[in-house]
């Protein structure tokens, strides 16, 4: 209808231009409108042997600086990040968008004053995450999900 109304108003309209670029830019929105389901991305840091930490259990950077910058872009584009209490206990992640780590082009798309932190969702079946963990102390919302009933209090976020 919009195209027709513009044409009726005497406006010269072109359409179908840069279709693949438009699809890429709006893939989350288009997926939701076409299917009713969210667009889901998976980010997993693993070494060539499929491990995410050393044999001792100690965690270390196994992704390149560029991959870590890419993660900041994924976070800036995301509404939520899902993790487990095991990851929170092992790595104590903040899971925030760090504007200073975005490249200049991305910073232009996401001005610092408008930056929205994604909701952090923690699957914590044993209520092991506490207020001392960084994920709880960050700006924005942190949601906790349990797989079994528990009378212990949730950490304040």
N, C-alpha and C. Protein backbone atom coordinates (compact mmCIF):
# COMPACT_ATOMS: atom_id res chain seq x y z
N UNK A 1 0.82 -1.21 0.00
CA UNK A 1 0.00 0.00 0.00
C UNK A 1 0.85 1.26 0.00
N UNK A 2 1.95 1.24 0.72
CA UNK A 2 2.80 2.43 0.80
C UNK A 2 3.37 2.81 -0.54
N UNK A 3 3.82 1.82 -1.30
CA UNK A 3 4.36 2.06 -2.63
C UNK A 3 3.30 2.70 -3.52
N UNK A 4 2.11 2.15 -3.51
CA UNK A 4 1.01 2.67 -4.32
C UNK A 4 0.69 4.11 -3.92
N UNK A 5 0.64 4.39 -2.63
CA UNK A 5 0.30 5.74 -2.17
C UNK A 5 1.36 6.75 -2.58
N UNK A 6 2.61 6.36 -2.53
CA UNK A 6 3.67 7.26 -2.98
C UNK A 6 3.53 7.54 -4.47
N UNK A 7 3.27 6.50 -5.26
CA UNK A 7 3.10 6.68 -6.70
C UNK A 7 1.89 7.55 -7.00
N UNK A 8 0.80 7.36 -6.28
CA UNK A 8 -0.40 8.18 -6.47
C UNK A 8 -0.14 9.64 -6.13
N UNK A 9 0.82 9.88 -5.25
CA UNK A 9 1.17 11.26 -4.88
C UNK A 9 2.14 11.87 -5.87
N UNK A 10 2.46 11.14 -6.94
CA UNK A 10 3.34 11.67 -7.97
C UNK A 10 4.82 11.50 -7.67
N UNK A 11 5.15 10.67 -6.72
CA UNK A 11 6.55 10.46 -6.35
C UNK A 11 7.09 9.29 -7.17
N UNK A 12 8.24 9.53 -7.83
CA UNK A 12 8.89 8.48 -8.60
C UNK A 12 9.52 7.50 -7.63
N UNK A 13 9.11 6.24 -7.70
CA UNK A 13 9.54 5.24 -6.73
C UNK A 13 10.25 4.09 -7.44
N UNK A 14 11.40 3.72 -6.91
CA UNK A 14 12.11 2.53 -7.37
C UNK A 14 12.07 1.51 -6.24
N UNK A 15 11.94 0.26 -6.61
CA UNK A 15 11.93 -0.77 -5.56
C UNK A 15 12.73 -1.97 -6.02
N UNK A 16 13.07 -2.82 -5.07
CA UNK A 16 13.87 -3.99 -5.39
C UNK A 16 15.36 -3.70 -5.45
N UNK A 17 15.76 -2.49 -5.10
CA UNK A 17 17.17 -2.13 -5.13
C UNK A 17 17.86 -2.64 -3.86
N UNK A 18 19.06 -3.12 -4.00
CA UNK A 18 19.87 -3.56 -2.85
C UNK A 18 19.11 -4.55 -1.97
N UNK A 19 18.42 -5.48 -2.59
CA UNK A 19 17.61 -6.45 -1.85
C UNK A 19 18.44 -7.28 -0.88
N UNK A 20 19.59 -7.78 -1.33
CA UNK A 20 20.38 -8.65 -0.45
C UNK A 20 20.93 -7.85 0.73
N UNK A 21 21.31 -6.60 0.51
CA UNK A 21 21.79 -5.76 1.60
C UNK A 21 20.68 -5.48 2.60
N UNK A 22 19.48 -5.21 2.08
CA UNK A 22 18.33 -4.95 2.95
C UNK A 22 17.97 -6.19 3.76
N UNK A 23 18.02 -7.36 3.13
CA UNK A 23 17.75 -8.62 3.83
C UNK A 23 18.75 -8.81 4.97
N UNK A 24 20.03 -8.58 4.68
CA UNK A 24 21.07 -8.76 5.68
C UNK A 24 20.89 -7.78 6.84
N UNK A 25 20.58 -6.55 6.53
CA UNK A 25 20.43 -5.52 7.56
C UNK A 25 19.23 -5.78 8.46
N UNK A 26 18.20 -6.38 7.91
CA UNK A 26 16.94 -6.56 8.65
C UNK A 26 16.59 -8.02 8.91
N UNK A 27 17.59 -8.91 8.93
CA UNK A 27 17.30 -10.34 8.99
C UNK A 27 16.53 -10.74 10.25
N UNK A 28 16.81 -10.13 11.39
CA UNK A 28 16.07 -10.47 12.60
C UNK A 28 14.60 -10.08 12.49
N UNK A 29 14.35 -8.87 12.04
CA UNK A 29 12.98 -8.39 11.88
C UNK A 29 12.23 -9.22 10.84
N UNK A 30 12.86 -9.45 9.70
CA UNK A 30 12.20 -10.19 8.63
C UNK A 30 11.89 -11.63 9.04
N UNK A 31 12.81 -12.28 9.74
CA UNK A 31 12.55 -13.65 10.21
C UNK A 31 11.32 -13.68 11.12
N UNK A 32 11.25 -12.72 12.04
CA UNK A 32 10.13 -12.67 12.98
C UNK A 32 8.82 -12.40 12.25
N UNK A 33 8.82 -11.50 11.27
CA UNK A 33 7.61 -11.17 10.53
C UNK A 33 7.16 -12.32 9.64
N UNK A 34 8.11 -13.04 9.05
CA UNK A 34 7.77 -14.12 8.12
C UNK A 34 7.37 -15.42 8.84
N UNK A 35 7.99 -15.69 9.98
CA UNK A 35 7.78 -16.99 10.62
C UNK A 35 7.15 -16.91 12.01
N UNK A 36 7.24 -15.74 12.64
CA UNK A 36 6.78 -15.62 14.03
C UNK A 36 7.82 -16.09 15.03
N UNK A 37 8.98 -16.51 14.56
CA UNK A 37 10.04 -16.99 15.44
C UNK A 37 11.19 -15.98 15.47
N UNK A 38 11.93 -15.96 16.56
CA UNK A 38 13.06 -15.02 16.64
C UNK A 38 14.24 -15.49 15.80
N UNK A 39 15.08 -14.56 15.46
CA UNK A 39 16.34 -14.86 14.79
C UNK A 39 17.34 -15.19 15.89
N UNK A 40 17.94 -16.36 15.83
CA UNK A 40 18.85 -16.82 16.89
C UNK A 40 20.24 -16.98 16.31
N UNK A 41 21.23 -16.45 17.03
CA UNK A 41 22.63 -16.60 16.66
C UNK A 41 23.33 -17.36 17.77
N UNK A 42 24.27 -18.20 17.42
CA UNK A 42 25.06 -18.92 18.40
C UNK A 42 26.50 -18.45 18.30
N UNK A 43 27.05 -18.08 19.43
CA UNK A 43 28.48 -17.75 19.51
C UNK A 43 29.08 -18.75 20.48
N UNK A 44 30.07 -19.49 20.01
CA UNK A 44 30.74 -20.46 20.86
C UNK A 44 32.23 -20.32 20.63
N UNK A 45 32.97 -20.11 21.69
CA UNK A 45 34.42 -20.06 21.59
C UNK A 45 34.98 -21.43 21.92
N UNK A 46 35.65 -22.06 20.98
CA UNK A 46 36.22 -23.38 21.22
C UNK A 46 37.53 -23.50 20.45
N UNK A 47 38.44 -24.27 21.00
CA UNK A 47 39.71 -24.51 20.32
C UNK A 47 39.52 -25.58 19.25
N UNK A 48 40.57 -25.84 18.47
CA UNK A 48 40.46 -26.82 17.39
C UNK A 48 40.09 -28.21 17.89
N UNK A 49 40.47 -28.53 19.13
CA UNK A 49 40.11 -29.85 19.67
C UNK A 49 38.74 -29.84 20.34
N UNK A 50 37.99 -28.74 20.18
CA UNK A 50 36.63 -28.67 20.69
C UNK A 50 36.52 -28.27 22.15
N UNK A 51 37.61 -27.88 22.75
CA UNK A 51 37.59 -27.52 24.17
C UNK A 51 37.32 -26.03 24.34
N UNK A 52 36.76 -25.69 25.51
CA UNK A 52 36.50 -24.28 25.82
C UNK A 52 37.36 -23.81 26.99
N UNK A 53 38.17 -24.68 27.57
CA UNK A 53 39.09 -24.33 28.65
C UNK A 53 40.24 -25.33 28.62
N UNK A 54 41.28 -25.04 29.41
CA UNK A 54 42.41 -25.96 29.48
C UNK A 54 42.01 -27.19 30.31
N UNK A 55 42.81 -28.23 30.23
CA UNK A 55 42.52 -29.48 30.95
C UNK A 55 42.39 -29.25 32.45
N UNK A 56 43.11 -28.27 32.98
CA UNK A 56 43.04 -27.96 34.41
C UNK A 56 41.73 -27.29 34.80
N UNK A 57 40.94 -26.89 33.80
CA UNK A 57 39.70 -26.18 34.06
C UNK A 57 39.87 -24.68 33.98
N UNK A 58 41.13 -24.23 33.92
CA UNK A 58 41.42 -22.80 33.83
C UNK A 58 40.95 -22.28 32.48
N UNK A 59 40.30 -21.14 32.51
CA UNK A 59 39.80 -20.55 31.28
C UNK A 59 40.81 -19.52 30.78
N UNK A 60 40.96 -19.42 29.48
CA UNK A 60 41.83 -18.41 28.90
C UNK A 60 41.24 -18.00 27.56
N UNK A 61 41.74 -16.88 27.00
CA UNK A 61 41.26 -16.45 25.70
C UNK A 61 41.64 -17.49 24.66
N UNK A 62 40.66 -17.98 23.96
CA UNK A 62 40.93 -18.92 22.86
C UNK A 62 40.43 -18.35 21.54
N UNK A 63 39.92 -17.12 21.58
CA UNK A 63 39.47 -16.46 20.36
C UNK A 63 40.38 -15.27 20.08
N UNK A 64 40.45 -14.88 18.83
CA UNK A 64 41.32 -13.79 18.42
C UNK A 64 40.73 -12.44 18.81
N UNK A 65 41.55 -11.38 18.82
CA UNK A 65 41.01 -10.04 19.09
C UNK A 65 39.87 -9.66 18.13
N UNK A 66 40.00 -10.03 16.84
CA UNK A 66 38.93 -9.72 15.88
C UNK A 66 37.65 -10.47 16.24
N UNK A 67 37.77 -11.71 16.65
CA UNK A 67 36.58 -12.48 17.05
C UNK A 67 35.92 -11.84 18.27
N UNK A 68 36.72 -11.32 19.19
CA UNK A 68 36.15 -10.66 20.37
C UNK A 68 35.45 -9.36 19.98
N UNK A 69 36.00 -8.64 18.98
CA UNK A 69 35.31 -7.44 18.47
C UNK A 69 34.00 -7.84 17.80
N UNK A 70 34.02 -8.94 17.05
CA UNK A 70 32.80 -9.42 16.41
C UNK A 70 31.73 -9.75 17.45
N UNK A 71 32.14 -10.28 18.59
CA UNK A 71 31.19 -10.59 19.66
C UNK A 71 30.51 -9.32 20.16
N UNK A 72 31.25 -8.23 20.23
CA UNK A 72 30.64 -6.98 20.68
C UNK A 72 29.55 -6.54 19.70
N UNK A 73 29.79 -6.72 18.40
CA UNK A 73 28.77 -6.39 17.40
C UNK A 73 27.56 -7.30 17.58
N UNK A 74 27.78 -8.60 17.76
CA UNK A 74 26.65 -9.53 17.97
C UNK A 74 25.85 -9.11 19.19
N UNK A 75 26.52 -8.74 20.26
CA UNK A 75 25.81 -8.31 21.47
C UNK A 75 25.01 -7.04 21.21
N UNK A 76 25.61 -6.09 20.48
CA UNK A 76 24.91 -4.83 20.18
C UNK A 76 23.65 -5.09 19.36
N UNK A 77 23.67 -6.11 18.52
CA UNK A 77 22.52 -6.44 17.67
C UNK A 77 21.49 -7.32 18.37
N UNK A 78 21.82 -7.84 19.54
CA UNK A 78 20.98 -8.84 20.19
C UNK A 78 20.08 -8.24 21.26
N UNK A 79 18.93 -8.88 21.43
CA UNK A 79 18.01 -8.49 22.49
C UNK A 79 18.31 -9.23 23.77
N UNK A 80 18.89 -10.43 23.66
CA UNK A 80 19.17 -11.23 24.84
C UNK A 80 20.37 -12.13 24.58
N UNK A 81 21.03 -12.50 25.68
CA UNK A 81 22.14 -13.46 25.66
C UNK A 81 21.81 -14.54 26.67
N UNK A 82 21.91 -15.79 26.25
CA UNK A 82 21.62 -16.93 27.12
C UNK A 82 22.93 -17.58 27.53
N UNK A 83 23.08 -17.87 28.82
CA UNK A 83 24.26 -18.56 29.31
C UNK A 83 23.85 -19.48 30.44
N UNK A 84 24.82 -20.22 30.95
CA UNK A 84 24.54 -21.14 32.06
C UNK A 84 25.27 -20.68 33.31
N UNK A 85 24.82 -21.17 34.45
CA UNK A 85 25.51 -20.85 35.70
C UNK A 85 26.92 -21.42 35.67
N UNK A 86 27.15 -22.53 34.98
CA UNK A 86 28.50 -23.09 34.88
C UNK A 86 29.45 -22.10 34.23
N UNK A 87 29.00 -21.42 33.17
CA UNK A 87 29.83 -20.41 32.52
C UNK A 87 30.06 -19.23 33.44
N UNK A 88 29.02 -18.79 34.15
CA UNK A 88 29.16 -17.67 35.08
C UNK A 88 30.16 -18.02 36.17
N UNK A 89 30.08 -19.22 36.71
CA UNK A 89 31.00 -19.63 37.78
C UNK A 89 32.43 -19.77 37.27
N UNK A 90 32.60 -20.29 36.06
CA UNK A 90 33.94 -20.52 35.52
C UNK A 90 34.62 -19.25 35.03
N UNK A 91 33.85 -18.38 34.36
CA UNK A 91 34.45 -17.23 33.67
C UNK A 91 34.10 -15.88 34.27
N UNK A 92 33.07 -15.80 35.09
CA UNK A 92 32.57 -14.55 35.65
C UNK A 92 32.40 -13.47 34.57
N UNK A 93 31.64 -13.77 33.52
CA UNK A 93 31.49 -12.81 32.42
C UNK A 93 30.55 -11.66 32.78
N UNK A 94 30.75 -10.52 32.15
CA UNK A 94 29.81 -9.40 32.29
C UNK A 94 28.68 -9.53 31.26
N UNK A 95 29.00 -10.04 30.08
CA UNK A 95 28.05 -10.20 28.97
C UNK A 95 27.35 -8.89 28.62
N UNK A 96 28.14 -7.83 28.55
CA UNK A 96 27.62 -6.52 28.16
C UNK A 96 28.23 -6.12 26.82
N UNK A 97 27.60 -5.13 26.20
CA UNK A 97 28.18 -4.52 25.01
C UNK A 97 29.17 -3.47 25.52
N UNK A 98 30.41 -3.57 25.09
CA UNK A 98 31.42 -2.59 25.47
C UNK A 98 31.66 -1.69 24.26
N UNK A 99 31.05 -0.51 24.31
CA UNK A 99 31.05 0.41 23.19
C UNK A 99 32.47 0.72 22.71
N UNK A 100 33.39 0.87 23.64
CA UNK A 100 34.77 1.22 23.28
C UNK A 100 35.45 0.11 22.47
N UNK A 101 34.92 -1.10 22.50
CA UNK A 101 35.51 -2.21 21.76
C UNK A 101 34.86 -2.42 20.39
N UNK A 102 33.85 -1.60 20.06
CA UNK A 102 33.22 -1.67 18.74
C UNK A 102 34.07 -0.89 17.74
N UNK A 103 34.08 -1.32 16.48
CA UNK A 103 34.81 -0.55 15.47
C UNK A 103 34.04 0.75 15.17
N UNK A 104 34.69 1.68 14.49
CA UNK A 104 34.10 3.01 14.26
C UNK A 104 32.77 2.93 13.51
N UNK A 105 32.69 2.06 12.52
CA UNK A 105 31.45 1.93 11.74
C UNK A 105 30.31 1.47 12.64
N UNK A 106 30.57 0.53 13.51
CA UNK A 106 29.53 0.03 14.41
C UNK A 106 29.19 1.08 15.46
N UNK A 107 30.18 1.81 15.94
CA UNK A 107 29.91 2.89 16.90
C UNK A 107 28.98 3.93 16.28
N UNK A 108 29.13 4.18 14.98
CA UNK A 108 28.24 5.13 14.30
C UNK A 108 26.81 4.60 14.25
N UNK A 109 26.65 3.29 14.09
CA UNK A 109 25.32 2.68 14.07
C UNK A 109 24.68 2.64 15.45
N UNK A 110 25.50 2.50 16.48
CA UNK A 110 25.02 2.37 17.85
C UNK A 110 25.68 3.44 18.72
N UNK A 111 25.21 4.71 18.65
CA UNK A 111 25.81 5.77 19.47
C UNK A 111 25.79 5.39 20.95
N UNK A 112 26.84 5.76 21.66
CA UNK A 112 27.00 5.34 23.05
C UNK A 112 25.80 5.72 23.91
N UNK A 113 25.24 6.91 23.70
CA UNK A 113 24.12 7.34 24.53
C UNK A 113 22.84 6.54 24.25
N UNK A 114 22.77 5.87 23.10
CA UNK A 114 21.60 5.06 22.75
C UNK A 114 21.84 3.56 22.90
N UNK A 115 23.03 3.19 23.36
CA UNK A 115 23.37 1.78 23.44
C UNK A 115 22.49 1.06 24.44
N UNK A 116 21.87 -0.01 24.00
CA UNK A 116 20.99 -0.83 24.83
C UNK A 116 21.73 -2.12 25.15
N UNK A 117 21.79 -2.44 26.43
CA UNK A 117 22.40 -3.70 26.83
C UNK A 117 21.40 -4.83 26.62
N UNK A 118 21.84 -5.94 26.05
CA UNK A 118 20.93 -7.08 25.91
C UNK A 118 20.58 -7.66 27.27
N UNK A 119 19.41 -8.25 27.36
CA UNK A 119 19.01 -8.95 28.59
C UNK A 119 19.92 -10.17 28.72
N UNK A 120 20.45 -10.37 29.90
CA UNK A 120 21.28 -11.54 30.17
C UNK A 120 20.41 -12.59 30.86
N UNK A 121 20.30 -13.76 30.26
CA UNK A 121 19.48 -14.84 30.81
C UNK A 121 20.41 -15.96 31.27
N UNK A 122 20.29 -16.33 32.54
CA UNK A 122 21.16 -17.35 33.12
C UNK A 122 20.31 -18.56 33.51
N UNK A 123 20.63 -19.72 32.95
CA UNK A 123 20.01 -20.97 33.38
C UNK A 123 20.79 -21.41 34.62
N UNK A 124 20.14 -21.35 35.77
CA UNK A 124 20.81 -21.59 37.06
C UNK A 124 19.99 -22.58 37.87
N UNK A 125 20.05 -23.84 37.50
CA UNK A 125 19.19 -24.85 38.12
C UNK A 125 19.50 -25.08 39.59
N UNK A 126 20.72 -24.75 40.02
CA UNK A 126 21.09 -25.01 41.41
C UNK A 126 21.27 -23.73 42.23
N UNK A 127 20.84 -22.59 41.68
CA UNK A 127 20.91 -21.31 42.39
C UNK A 127 22.33 -21.02 42.87
N UNK A 128 23.29 -21.13 41.96
CA UNK A 128 24.70 -20.95 42.32
C UNK A 128 25.23 -19.55 42.05
N UNK A 129 24.54 -18.78 41.22
CA UNK A 129 24.99 -17.42 40.91
C UNK A 129 24.60 -16.51 42.07
N UNK A 130 25.54 -15.69 42.51
CA UNK A 130 25.32 -14.82 43.67
C UNK A 130 25.55 -13.37 43.28
N UNK A 131 25.23 -12.43 44.16
CA UNK A 131 25.43 -11.01 43.85
C UNK A 131 26.88 -10.61 43.60
N UNK A 132 27.85 -11.44 43.97
CA UNK A 132 29.25 -11.08 43.72
C UNK A 132 29.65 -11.30 42.27
N UNK A 133 28.88 -12.03 41.50
CA UNK A 133 29.22 -12.29 40.11
C UNK A 133 28.97 -11.05 39.25
N UNK A 134 29.87 -10.80 38.32
CA UNK A 134 29.81 -9.59 37.48
C UNK A 134 28.51 -9.49 36.71
N UNK A 135 27.96 -10.61 36.26
CA UNK A 135 26.75 -10.59 35.44
C UNK A 135 25.59 -9.93 36.19
N UNK A 136 25.58 -10.04 37.50
CA UNK A 136 24.51 -9.47 38.33
C UNK A 136 24.72 -7.97 38.53
N UNK A 137 25.95 -7.52 38.48
CA UNK A 137 26.30 -6.14 38.80
C UNK A 137 26.25 -5.19 37.61
N UNK A 138 25.98 -5.70 36.42
CA UNK A 138 26.04 -4.89 35.20
C UNK A 138 24.76 -4.10 34.98
N UNK A 139 24.85 -2.98 34.21
CA UNK A 139 23.63 -2.25 33.85
C UNK A 139 22.75 -3.11 32.95
N UNK A 140 21.47 -2.87 33.00
CA UNK A 140 20.53 -3.66 32.21
C UNK A 140 19.96 -4.78 33.04
N UNK A 141 19.16 -5.61 32.40
CA UNK A 141 18.46 -6.68 33.11
C UNK A 141 19.22 -8.00 33.05
N UNK A 142 19.16 -8.73 34.15
CA UNK A 142 19.63 -10.11 34.19
C UNK A 142 18.48 -10.96 34.68
N UNK A 143 18.11 -11.96 33.91
CA UNK A 143 17.02 -12.87 34.28
C UNK A 143 17.63 -14.21 34.66
N UNK A 144 17.01 -14.85 35.62
CA UNK A 144 17.45 -16.18 36.05
C UNK A 144 16.34 -17.18 35.80
N UNK A 145 16.70 -18.36 35.35
CA UNK A 145 15.73 -19.43 35.14
C UNK A 145 16.22 -20.67 35.88
N UNK A 146 15.31 -21.29 36.58
CA UNK A 146 15.63 -22.52 37.29
C UNK A 146 14.89 -23.67 36.63
N UNK A 147 15.46 -24.84 36.75
CA UNK A 147 14.80 -26.02 36.20
C UNK A 147 14.07 -26.81 37.28
N UNK A 148 14.26 -26.42 38.56
CA UNK A 148 13.55 -27.06 39.65
C UNK A 148 13.20 -26.02 40.71
N UNK A 149 12.19 -26.30 41.48
CA UNK A 149 11.75 -25.38 42.52
C UNK A 149 12.82 -25.29 43.60
N UNK A 150 13.02 -24.08 44.13
CA UNK A 150 14.02 -23.84 45.15
C UNK A 150 13.56 -22.68 46.00
N UNK A 151 13.67 -22.79 47.30
CA UNK A 151 13.19 -21.72 48.20
C UNK A 151 14.23 -20.64 48.43
N UNK A 152 15.46 -20.83 47.95
CA UNK A 152 16.50 -19.81 48.16
C UNK A 152 16.20 -18.55 47.34
N UNK A 153 16.68 -17.42 47.83
CA UNK A 153 16.45 -16.13 47.17
C UNK A 153 17.31 -15.99 45.92
N UNK A 154 16.77 -15.26 44.95
CA UNK A 154 17.53 -14.91 43.75
C UNK A 154 18.45 -13.75 44.08
N UNK A 155 19.57 -13.62 43.37
CA UNK A 155 20.40 -12.43 43.53
C UNK A 155 19.63 -11.20 43.03
N UNK A 156 19.79 -10.09 43.71
CA UNK A 156 19.18 -8.84 43.24
C UNK A 156 19.94 -8.34 42.03
N UNK A 157 19.21 -7.92 41.00
CA UNK A 157 19.87 -7.39 39.80
C UNK A 157 19.50 -5.94 39.62
